[in-house]
């Protein structure tokens, strides 16, 4: 009986994720401050239903090389599991200086990539033009 030979193939190494400096993080935070402040003023105008779940805060945060826009919810339902929880609804993946991959969180539980290599201005324009990229107020 003939011996079976194994064929080994050299696989490509994982792509190295870019490191985001504190200065770059600060530039992105400052750029999105007016948008978040606008959402917070809209949030104050909404009459919260105390029987269900409602938004209490909108903020941004960084995790590794991802910039997230997040909502914090509070629940007054007597059958609730937790009082407050967070939902990340928008993600910018840092690629290089002023280049980001733009994704939003779908109802299916997965991040959906909308556009690649976008500038901050383009990302802000997409957020303002499409209701899917805005928080649930």
C-alpha atoms as a PDB file:
ATOM      1  CA  UNK A   1       0.000   0.000   0.000  1.00  0.00           C
ATOM      2  CA  UNK A   2       1.335   3.415  -0.960  1.00  0.00           C
ATOM      3  CA  UNK A   3       2.106   5.968   1.709  1.00  0.00           C
ATOM      4  CA  UNK A   4      -0.105   9.081   1.740  1.00  0.00           C
ATOM      5  CA  UNK A   5       1.831  12.271   1.471  1.00  0.00           C
ATOM      6  CA  UNK A   6       0.865  15.432   3.288  1.00  0.00           C
ATOM      7  CA  UNK A   7       1.128  18.717   1.494  1.00  0.00           C
ATOM      8  CA  UNK A   8       2.045  21.613   3.716  1.00  0.00           C
ATOM      9  CA  UNK A   9       1.139  25.101   2.621  1.00  0.00           C
ATOM     10  CA  UNK A  10       2.618  28.221   4.136  1.00  0.00           C
ATOM     11  CA  UNK A  11      -0.204  30.376   5.389  1.00  0.00           C
ATOM     12  CA  UNK A  12      -0.093  34.118   5.528  1.00  0.00           C
ATOM     13  CA  UNK A  13       0.506  35.645   8.926  1.00  0.00           C
ATOM     14  CA  UNK A  14      -2.207  37.675  10.588  1.00  0.00           C
ATOM     15  CA  UNK A  15      -2.323  41.305   9.644  1.00  0.00           C
ATOM     16  CA  UNK A  16      -0.922  43.541  12.331  1.00  0.00           C
ATOM     17  CA  UNK A  17      -3.564  45.836  13.781  1.00  0.00           C
ATOM     18  CA  UNK A  18      -2.588  49.508  13.732  1.00  0.00           C
ATOM     19  CA  UNK A  19      -1.859  51.188  17.037  1.00  0.00           C
ATOM     20  CA  UNK A  20      -3.856  54.289  17.830  1.00  0.00           C
ATOM     21  CA  UNK A  21      -1.996  57.018  19.674  1.00  0.00           C
ATOM     22  CA  UNK A  22      -3.623  59.050  22.430  1.00  0.00           C
ATOM     23  CA  UNK A  23      -3.434  62.140  20.212  1.00  0.00           C
ATOM     24  CA  UNK A  24      -5.354  60.392  17.424  1.00  0.00           C
ATOM     25  CA  UNK A  25      -7.965  59.198  19.915  1.00  0.00           C
ATOM     26  CA  UNK A  26      -8.375  62.729  21.210  1.00  0.00           C
ATOM     27  CA  UNK A  27      -8.856  64.101  17.670  1.00  0.00           C
ATOM     28  CA  UNK A  28     -11.678  61.613  17.038  1.00  0.00           C
ATOM     29  CA  UNK A  29     -13.275  62.299  20.438  1.00  0.00           C
ATOM     30  CA  UNK A  30     -13.243  66.061  19.823  1.00  0.00           C
ATOM     31  CA  UNK A  31     -14.617  65.595  16.298  1.00  0.00           C
ATOM     32  CA  UNK A  32     -17.659  63.635  17.553  1.00  0.00           C
ATOM     33  CA  UNK A  33     -18.347  65.770  20.675  1.00  0.00           C
ATOM     34  CA  UNK A  34     -20.871  68.077  18.899  1.00  0.00           C
ATOM     35  CA  UNK A  35     -22.794  65.087  17.519  1.00  0.00           C
ATOM     36  CA  UNK A  36     -23.007  63.447  20.936  1.00  0.00           C
ATOM     37  CA  UNK A  37     -24.010  66.758  22.557  1.00  0.00           C
ATOM     38  CA  UNK A  38     -26.786  67.106  19.957  1.00  0.00           C
ATOM     39  CA  UNK A  39     -28.056  63.610  20.736  1.00  0.00           C
ATOM     40  CA  UNK A  40     -27.992  64.365  24.460  1.00  0.00           C
ATOM     41  CA  UNK A  41     -30.148  67.486  24.003  1.00  0.00           C
ATOM     42  CA  UNK A  42     -32.639  65.416  21.975  1.00  0.00           C
ATOM     43  CA  UNK A  43     -32.559  62.829  24.739  1.00  0.00           C
ATOM     44  CA  UNK A  44     -33.527  65.413  27.374  1.00  0.00           C
ATOM     45  CA  UNK A  45     -36.564  66.441  25.311  1.00  0.00           C
ATOM     46  CA  UNK A  46     -37.934  62.884  25.133  1.00  0.00           C
ATOM     47  CA  UNK A  47     -40.544  61.972  27.736  1.00  0.00           C
ATOM     48  CA  UNK A  48     -39.300  58.666  29.136  1.00  0.00           C
ATOM     49  CA  UNK A  49     -41.864  55.937  29.649  1.00  0.00           C
ATOM     50  CA  UNK A  50     -41.217  54.673  33.150  1.00  0.00           C
ATOM     51  CA  UNK A  51     -42.851  51.306  32.484  1.00  0.00           C
ATOM     52  CA  UNK A  52     -40.450  50.166  29.756  1.00  0.00           C
ATOM     53  CA  UNK A  53     -36.855  50.552  28.698  1.00  0.00           C
ATOM     54  CA  UNK A  54     -35.514  53.980  27.777  1.00  0.00           C
ATOM     55  CA  UNK A  55     -32.213  55.658  26.876  1.00  0.00           C
ATOM     56  CA  UNK A  56     -30.504  57.565  29.676  1.00  0.00           C
ATOM     57  CA  UNK A  57     -27.115  58.396  28.123  1.00  0.00           C
ATOM     58  CA  UNK A  58     -25.253  58.530  24.810  1.00  0.00           C
ATOM     59  CA  UNK A  59     -21.459  58.516  24.801  1.00  0.00           C
ATOM     60  CA  UNK A  60     -18.361  57.339  22.964  1.00  0.00           C
ATOM     61  CA  UNK A  61     -15.538  55.048  23.967  1.00  0.00           C
ATOM     62  CA  UNK A  62     -12.443  53.384  22.595  1.00  0.00           C
ATOM     63  CA  UNK A  63     -11.575  49.703  22.761  1.00  0.00           C
ATOM     64  CA  UNK A  64      -8.256  48.747  21.173  1.00  0.00           C
ATOM     65  CA  UNK A  65      -8.368  50.313  17.670  1.00  0.00           C
ATOM     66  CA  UNK A  66     -12.172  50.640  17.579  1.00  0.00           C
ATOM     67  CA  UNK A  67     -14.139  53.818  18.324  1.00  0.00           C
ATOM     68  CA  UNK A  68     -17.725  53.148  19.459  1.00  0.00           C
ATOM     69  CA  UNK A  69     -20.820  55.283  19.845  1.00  0.00           C
ATOM     70  CA  UNK A  70     -22.871  53.794  22.677  1.00  0.00           C
ATOM     71  CA  UNK A  71     -26.247  54.141  24.342  1.00  0.00           C
ATOM     72  CA  UNK A  72     -27.012  53.376  27.963  1.00  0.00           C
ATOM     73  CA  UNK A  73     -30.503  52.087  28.711  1.00  0.00           C
ATOM     74  CA  UNK A  74     -32.476  51.906  31.933  1.00  0.00           C
ATOM     75  CA  UNK A  75     -35.371  49.566  32.539  1.00  0.00           C
ATOM     76  CA  UNK A  76     -38.235  50.081  34.980  1.00  0.00           C
ATOM     77  CA  UNK A  77     -40.001  46.871  33.987  1.00  0.00           C
ATOM     78  CA  UNK A  78     -40.736  44.671  37.042  1.00  0.00           C
ATOM     79  CA  UNK A  79     -39.539  41.587  35.090  1.00  0.00           C
ATOM     80  CA  UNK A  80     -36.167  43.106  34.166  1.00  0.00           C
ATOM     81  CA  UNK A  81     -32.948  41.147  34.447  1.00  0.00           C
ATOM     82  CA  UNK A  82     -30.690  44.198  34.924  1.00  0.00           C
ATOM     83  CA  UNK A  83     -31.448  47.822  35.738  1.00  0.00           C
ATOM     84  CA  UNK A  84     -29.049  49.369  33.203  1.00  0.00           C
ATOM     85  CA  UNK A  85     -27.184  48.095  30.169  1.00  0.00           C
ATOM     86  CA  UNK A  86     -25.085  49.389  27.289  1.00  0.00           C
ATOM     87  CA  UNK A  87     -25.564  48.977  23.554  1.00  0.00           C
ATOM     88  CA  UNK A  88     -22.861  49.853  21.044  1.00  0.00           C
ATOM     89  CA  UNK A  89     -24.594  50.915  17.848  1.00  0.00           C
ATOM     90  CA  UNK A  90     -21.815  52.366  15.683  1.00  0.00           C
ATOM     91  CA  UNK A  91     -18.171  51.399  15.199  1.00  0.00           C
ATOM     92  CA  UNK A  92     -15.255  53.087  13.473  1.00  0.00           C
ATOM     93  CA  UNK A  93     -12.233  50.846  13.001  1.00  0.00           C
ATOM     94  CA  UNK A  94      -8.990  52.806  12.865  1.00  0.00           C
ATOM     95  CA  UNK A  95      -7.000  51.970   9.709  1.00  0.00           C
ATOM     96  CA  UNK A  96      -4.600  54.896   9.466  1.00  0.00           C
ATOM     97  CA  UNK A  97      -4.525  58.638   9.983  1.00  0.00           C
ATOM     98  CA  UNK A  98      -8.103  59.836   9.196  1.00  0.00           C
ATOM     99  CA  UNK A  99      -9.046  56.497   7.573  1.00  0.00           C
ATOM    100  CA  UNK A 100     -11.703  54.321   9.185  1.00  0.00           C
ATOM    101  CA  UNK A 101     -13.898  51.347   8.390  1.00  0.00           C
ATOM    102  CA  UNK A 102     -17.494  52.329   9.166  1.00  0.00           C
ATOM    103  CA  UNK A 103     -19.810  49.656  10.642  1.00  0.00           C
ATOM    104  CA  UNK A 104     -23.124  49.587  12.468  1.00  0.00           C
ATOM    105  CA  UNK A 105     -24.632  46.978  14.776  1.00  0.00           C
ATOM    106  CA  UNK A 106     -27.460  45.063  13.128  1.00  0.00           C
ATOM    107  CA  UNK A 107     -30.484  43.526  14.799  1.00  0.00           C
ATOM    108  CA  UNK A 108     -28.965  40.122  13.959  1.00  0.00           C
ATOM    109  CA  UNK A 109     -26.198  40.640  16.519  1.00  0.00           C
ATOM    110  CA  UNK A 110     -23.410  41.197  14.002  1.00  0.00           C
ATOM    111  CA  UNK A 111     -21.458  44.249  12.871  1.00  0.00           C
ATOM    112  CA  UNK A 112     -22.229  45.214   9.280  1.00  0.00           C
ATOM    113  CA  UNK A 113     -19.429  46.939   7.349  1.00  0.00           C
ATOM    114  CA  UNK A 114     -20.880  49.855   5.419  1.00  0.00           C
ATOM    115  CA  UNK A 115     -17.801  51.589   4.015  1.00  0.00           C
ATOM    116  CA  UNK A 116     -14.036  51.181   4.044  1.00  0.00           C
ATOM    117  CA  UNK A 117     -11.283  53.797   4.255  1.00  0.00           C
ATOM    118  CA  UNK A 118     -13.589  56.706   5.088  1.00  0.00           C
ATOM    119  CA  UNK A 119     -12.534  60.027   6.542  1.00  0.00           C
ATOM    120  CA  UNK A 120     -14.140  61.352   9.716  1.00  0.00           C
ATOM    121  CA  UNK A 121     -16.114  63.881   7.682  1.00  0.00           C
ATOM    122  CA  UNK A 122     -17.535  61.138   5.458  1.00  0.00           C
ATOM    123  CA  UNK A 123     -18.473  59.045   8.497  1.00  0.00           C
ATOM    124  CA  UNK A 124     -20.259  62.014  10.089  1.00  0.00           C
ATOM    125  CA  UNK A 125     -22.124  62.703   6.850  1.00  0.00           C
ATOM    126  CA  UNK A 126     -23.302  59.049   6.663  1.00  0.00           C
ATOM    127  CA  UNK A 127     -24.479  59.195  10.292  1.00  0.00           C
ATOM    128  CA  UNK A 128     -26.496  62.363   9.695  1.00  0.00           C
ATOM    129  CA  UNK A 129     -28.073  61.109   6.448  1.00  0.00           C
ATOM    130  CA  UNK A 130     -29.158  57.622   7.533  1.00  0.00           C
ATOM    131  CA  UNK A 131     -31.453  56.885  10.474  1.00  0.00           C
ATOM    132  CA  UNK A 132     -30.003  53.377  10.892  1.00  0.00           C
ATOM    133  CA  UNK A 133     -26.776  54.968  12.138  1.00  0.00           C
ATOM    134  CA  UNK A 134     -28.456  57.098  14.809  1.00  0.00           C
ATOM    135  CA  UNK A 135     -29.378  56.150  18.369  1.00  0.00           C
ATOM    136  CA  UNK A 136     -32.837  54.997  19.383  1.00  0.00           C
ATOM    137  CA  UNK A 137     -34.148  58.000  21.314  1.00  0.00           C
END
